[in-house]
Structure formats: structure tokens, C-alpha cells
Amino acid sequence: MLMAPRNPATGVYPADDYVHAMEVSGARRLLFVSGTMGLDGKGNAPEGLDRQLELVWSNIRTILAEADMTTDNIARVTSYLRHASFAEANARARLKALGERRVPTTAIVVETLLPEWLVEIEAVAVS
């Protein structure tokens, strides 16, 4: 399986911490990760965006591992943020979780089901 970033240098605005598209060829499996929240093992949301972002990515790694995948298999990320002011911290957490890899990503500001849920992230992984 090969993932090839498609990020035109001209004709479209620049993508700095993500890529415009990801071409996937030779994939045998797709894993669609549901919107995952920064909840602990008992389903509780800790206070603070940074802690919830840590838990979101920990939870995503656990879900990926169940399918014998890692964050290296992620081809797409969508983040749902309770406030627009969370965008920078969310981007930092994504970059930390993915290392040097850049993937297509979208962040959307939404009203979450419960006010203590600050962020929810869904992903698509391939292998």
C-alpha cells in the first residue's frame, strides 16, 4: 500500500501543516474511526482542552491497534471543536500525534452534545 500526498505548489492556496489530498493505492483495508472524544476509561471528560486532546489521540491509537494499525495508517482526519479558539491547540496535538506525516484534515466548530466535551476527532486509516 502506498500513500502519496498530493499538494500542488501552484494554482491553490498553500497547505502548511496538512496536505490538500492523499492518494492511496494498493490498500487492502479501510478503517473508519468514529468521532472519538477525549474521555477517560470511565467515559469522563477531564477539564482542559490539552488533556482532552491527549486522551483523544490515546483513544485513537488504541482503536487503531485493535485493527493492527498505527497513526502511520491514518489517511484523513476531521476535528470537531467546541470553540474556534481551540484550532491552534488541536493542530499542535495532531502534528504531535502524526509526527512528520501530513494528511488532509478539516476542523469544524460545532456545539457538542455535552458542554464538557471540547473536541471530537474522526479518522480514516488504510493498510
C-alpha atoms as a PDB file:
ATOM      1  CA  MET A   1       0.000   0.000   0.000  1.00  0.00           C
ATOM      2  CA  LEU A   2       1.229   3.456  -0.853  1.00  0.00           C
ATOM      3  CA  MET A   3       0.050   6.835   0.423  1.00  0.00           C
ATOM      4  CA  ALA A   4       1.190   9.735  -1.728  1.00  0.00           C
ATOM      5  CA  PRO A   5       0.488  13.314  -0.655  1.00  0.00           C
ATOM      6  CA  ARG A   6      -0.931  15.471  -3.439  1.00  0.00           C
ATOM      7  CA  ASN A   7      -0.163  19.060  -2.577  1.00  0.00           C
ATOM      8  CA  PRO A   8       0.010  21.397  -5.608  1.00  0.00           C
ATOM      9  CA  ALA A   9       2.634  24.129  -5.299  1.00  0.00           C
ATOM     10  CA  THR A  10       0.717  26.472  -7.610  1.00  0.00           C
ATOM     11  CA  GLY A  11      -2.887  27.148  -8.523  1.00  0.00           C
ATOM     12  CA  VAL A  12      -4.267  26.688  -4.996  1.00  0.00           C
ATOM     13  CA  TYR A  13      -3.573  28.245  -1.611  1.00  0.00           C
ATOM     14  CA  PRO A  14      -0.688  26.719   0.394  1.00  0.00           C
ATOM     15  CA  ALA A  15      -1.200  23.952   2.925  1.00  0.00           C
ATOM     16  CA  ASP A  16       1.313  24.321   5.727  1.00  0.00           C
ATOM     17  CA  ASP A  17       0.534  21.765   8.434  1.00  0.00           C
ATOM     18  CA  TYR A  18      -1.570  19.436   6.264  1.00  0.00           C
ATOM     19  CA  VAL A  19      -1.824  18.351   2.617  1.00  0.00           C
ATOM     20  CA  HIS A  20      -4.649  19.062   0.197  1.00  0.00           C
ATOM     21  CA  ALA A  21      -5.119  15.417  -0.768  1.00  0.00           C
ATOM     22  CA  MET A  22      -3.776  11.923  -0.137  1.00  0.00           C
ATOM     23  CA  GLU A  23      -3.698   9.362  -2.928  1.00  0.00           C
ATOM     24  CA  VAL A  24      -3.909   5.810  -1.621  1.00  0.00           C
ATOM     25  CA  SER A  25      -3.053   2.896  -3.902  1.00  0.00           C
ATOM     26  CA  GLY A  26      -2.827  -0.791  -3.204  1.00  0.00           C
ATOM     27  CA  ALA A  27      -4.812  -0.614   0.026  1.00  0.00           C
ATOM     28  CA  ARG A  28      -6.409  -3.822   1.228  1.00  0.00           C
ATOM     29  CA  ARG A  29      -8.268  -2.443   4.232  1.00  0.00           C
ATOM     30  CA  LEU A  30     -10.035   0.754   5.230  1.00  0.00           C
ATOM     31  CA  LEU A  31     -10.767   1.639   8.839  1.00  0.00           C
ATOM     32  CA  PHE A  32     -13.274   4.402   9.543  1.00  0.00           C
ATOM     33  CA  VAL A  33     -12.727   5.651  13.085  1.00  0.00           C
ATOM     34  CA  SER A  34     -15.847   7.117  14.621  1.00  0.00           C
ATOM     35  CA  GLY A  35     -15.795  10.533  16.202  1.00  0.00           C
ATOM     36  CA  THR A  36     -13.571   9.864  19.203  1.00  0.00           C
ATOM     37  CA  MET A  37     -13.577  12.060  22.280  1.00  0.00           C
ATOM     38  CA  GLY A  38     -11.092  12.862  24.999  1.00  0.00           C
ATOM     39  CA  LEU A  39     -12.795  10.716  27.587  1.00  0.00           C
ATOM     40  CA  ASP A  40     -11.085   8.511  30.153  1.00  0.00           C
ATOM     41  CA  GLY A  41     -11.766   4.792  30.585  1.00  0.00           C
ATOM     42  CA  LYS A  42     -14.896   5.543  32.624  1.00  0.00           C
ATOM     43  CA  GLY A  43     -16.297   7.892  29.988  1.00  0.00           C
ATOM     44  CA  ASN A  44     -15.459  11.081  31.874  1.00  0.00           C
ATOM     45  CA  ALA A  45     -14.108  14.214  30.209  1.00  0.00           C
ATOM     46  CA  PRO A  46     -11.227  15.770  32.138  1.00  0.00           C
ATOM     47  CA  GLU A  47     -11.090  19.535  32.436  1.00  0.00           C
ATOM     48  CA  GLY A  48      -8.988  21.329  29.876  1.00  0.00           C
ATOM     49  CA  LEU A  49      -8.534  21.092  26.151  1.00  0.00           C
ATOM     50  CA  ASP A  50      -4.921  19.879  26.267  1.00  0.00           C
ATOM     51  CA  ARG A  51      -5.809  16.901  28.475  1.00  0.00           C
ATOM     52  CA  GLN A  52      -8.774  16.015  26.262  1.00  0.00           C
ATOM     53  CA  LEU A  53      -6.579  16.205  23.152  1.00  0.00           C
ATOM     54  CA  GLU A  54      -4.061  13.847  24.787  1.00  0.00           C
ATOM     55  CA  LEU A  55      -6.856  11.396  25.548  1.00  0.00           C
ATOM     56  CA  VAL A  56      -8.399  11.688  22.069  1.00  0.00           C
ATOM     57  CA  TRP A  57      -5.144  10.671  20.421  1.00  0.00           C
ATOM     58  CA  SER A  58      -4.515   7.948  23.013  1.00  0.00           C
ATOM     59  CA  ASN A  59      -8.003   6.581  22.337  1.00  0.00           C
ATOM     60  CA  ILE A  60      -7.420   6.734  18.565  1.00  0.00           C
ATOM     61  CA  ARG A  61      -4.120   4.834  18.947  1.00  0.00           C
ATOM     62  CA  THR A  62      -5.960   2.153  20.970  1.00  0.00           C
ATOM     63  CA  ILE A  63      -8.680   1.851  18.310  1.00  0.00           C
ATOM     64  CA  LEU A  64      -6.076   1.642  15.542  1.00  0.00           C
ATOM     65  CA  ALA A  65      -4.153  -1.041  17.440  1.00  0.00           C
ATOM     66  CA  GLU A  66      -7.315  -3.162  17.568  1.00  0.00           C
ATOM     67  CA  ALA A  67      -7.068  -3.274  13.752  1.00  0.00           C
ATOM     68  CA  ASP A  68      -3.275  -3.815  13.804  1.00  0.00           C
ATOM     69  CA  MET A  69      -2.702  -0.248  12.638  1.00  0.00           C
ATOM     70  CA  THR A  70      -0.905   2.829  13.961  1.00  0.00           C
ATOM     71  CA  THR A  71      -1.155   6.548  13.325  1.00  0.00           C
ATOM     72  CA  ASP A  72       1.087   5.869  10.286  1.00  0.00           C
ATOM     73  CA  ASN A  73      -2.013   4.338   8.655  1.00  0.00           C
ATOM     74  CA  ILE A  74      -4.133   7.482   9.037  1.00  0.00           C
ATOM     75  CA  ALA A  75      -5.015   8.988   5.656  1.00  0.00           C
ATOM     76  CA  ARG A  76      -7.576  11.622   6.752  1.00  0.00           C
ATOM     77  CA  VAL A  77      -8.571  13.486   9.957  1.00  0.00           C
ATOM     78  CA  THR A  78     -11.645  15.555  10.777  1.00  0.00           C
ATOM     79  CA  SER A  79     -11.791  17.501  14.040  1.00  0.00           C
ATOM     80  CA  TYR A  80     -14.930  18.880  15.654  1.00  0.00           C
ATOM     81  CA  LEU A  81     -14.120  21.719  18.039  1.00  0.00           C
ATOM     82  CA  ARG A  82     -16.453  23.335  20.552  1.00  0.00           C
ATOM     83  CA  HIS A  83     -14.781  26.738  20.014  1.00  0.00           C
ATOM     84  CA  ALA A  84     -12.801  28.232  17.133  1.00  0.00           C
ATOM     85  CA  SER A  85     -10.141  29.258  19.651  1.00  0.00           C
ATOM     86  CA  PHE A  86      -9.266  25.541  20.006  1.00  0.00           C
ATOM     87  CA  ALA A  87      -7.927  25.296  16.428  1.00  0.00           C
ATOM     88  CA  GLU A  88      -4.272  26.004  17.224  1.00  0.00           C
ATOM     89  CA  ALA A  89      -4.063  23.525  20.124  1.00  0.00           C
ATOM     90  CA  ASN A  90      -5.867  20.937  18.017  1.00  0.00           C
ATOM     91  CA  ALA A  91      -3.376  21.385  15.162  1.00  0.00           C
ATOM     92  CA  ARG A  92      -0.433  21.060  17.581  1.00  0.00           C
ATOM     93  CA  ALA A  93      -1.872  17.827  19.010  1.00  0.00           C
ATOM     94  CA  ARG A  94      -2.456  16.417  15.506  1.00  0.00           C
ATOM     95  CA  LEU A  95       1.094  17.261  14.431  1.00  0.00           C
ATOM     96  CA  LYS A  96       2.472  15.683  17.607  1.00  0.00           C
ATOM     97  CA  ALA A  97       0.396  12.536  17.066  1.00  0.00           C
ATOM     98  CA  LEU A  98       1.348  12.167  13.399  1.00  0.00           C
ATOM     99  CA  GLY A  99       4.972  13.250  13.642  1.00  0.00           C
ATOM    100  CA  GLU A 100       6.357  14.382  10.298  1.00  0.00           C
ATOM    101  CA  ARG A 101       3.372  12.994   8.373  1.00  0.00           C
ATOM    102  CA  ARG A 102       0.890  15.446   6.916  1.00  0.00           C
ATOM    103  CA  VAL A 103      -2.604  14.312   5.954  1.00  0.00           C
ATOM    104  CA  PRO A 104      -5.734  16.002   4.642  1.00  0.00           C
ATOM    105  CA  THR A 105      -7.586  17.491   7.584  1.00  0.00           C
ATOM    106  CA  THR A 106     -10.627  19.592   8.331  1.00  0.00           C
ATOM    107  CA  ALA A 107     -11.583  21.315  11.575  1.00  0.00           C
ATOM    108  CA  ILE A 108     -15.209  22.253  12.152  1.00  0.00           C
ATOM    109  CA  VAL A 109     -16.637  24.318  15.004  1.00  0.00           C
ATOM    110  CA  VAL A 110     -19.731  22.627  16.438  1.00  0.00           C
ATOM    111  CA  GLU A 111     -21.882  22.536  19.513  1.00  0.00           C
ATOM    112  CA  THR A 112     -21.005  19.224  21.155  1.00  0.00           C
ATOM    113  CA  LEU A 113     -23.663  17.070  22.786  1.00  0.00           C
ATOM    114  CA  LEU A 114     -22.353  17.898  26.254  1.00  0.00           C
ATOM    115  CA  PRO A 115     -20.631  21.180  27.122  1.00  0.00           C
ATOM    116  CA  GLU A 116     -17.689  19.399  28.802  1.00  0.00           C
ATOM    117  CA  TRP A 117     -16.817  17.641  25.514  1.00  0.00           C
ATOM    118  CA  LEU A 118     -14.360  20.077  23.941  1.00  0.00           C
ATOM    119  CA  VAL A 119     -13.119  18.112  20.932  1.00  0.00           C
ATOM    120  CA  GLU A 120     -14.045  15.067  18.871  1.00  0.00           C
ATOM    121  CA  ILE A 121     -11.861  13.607  16.121  1.00  0.00           C
ATOM    122  CA  GLU A 122     -12.652  11.086  13.423  1.00  0.00           C
ATOM    123  CA  ALA A 123     -10.144   9.475  11.092  1.00  0.00           C
ATOM    124  CA  VAL A 124      -9.803   7.215   8.103  1.00  0.00           C
ATOM    125  CA  ALA A 125      -6.936   4.725   8.156  1.00  0.00           C
ATOM    126  CA  VAL A 126      -5.735   2.382   5.405  1.00  0.00           C
ATOM    127  CA  SER A 127      -3.477  -0.622   5.122  1.00  0.00           C
END
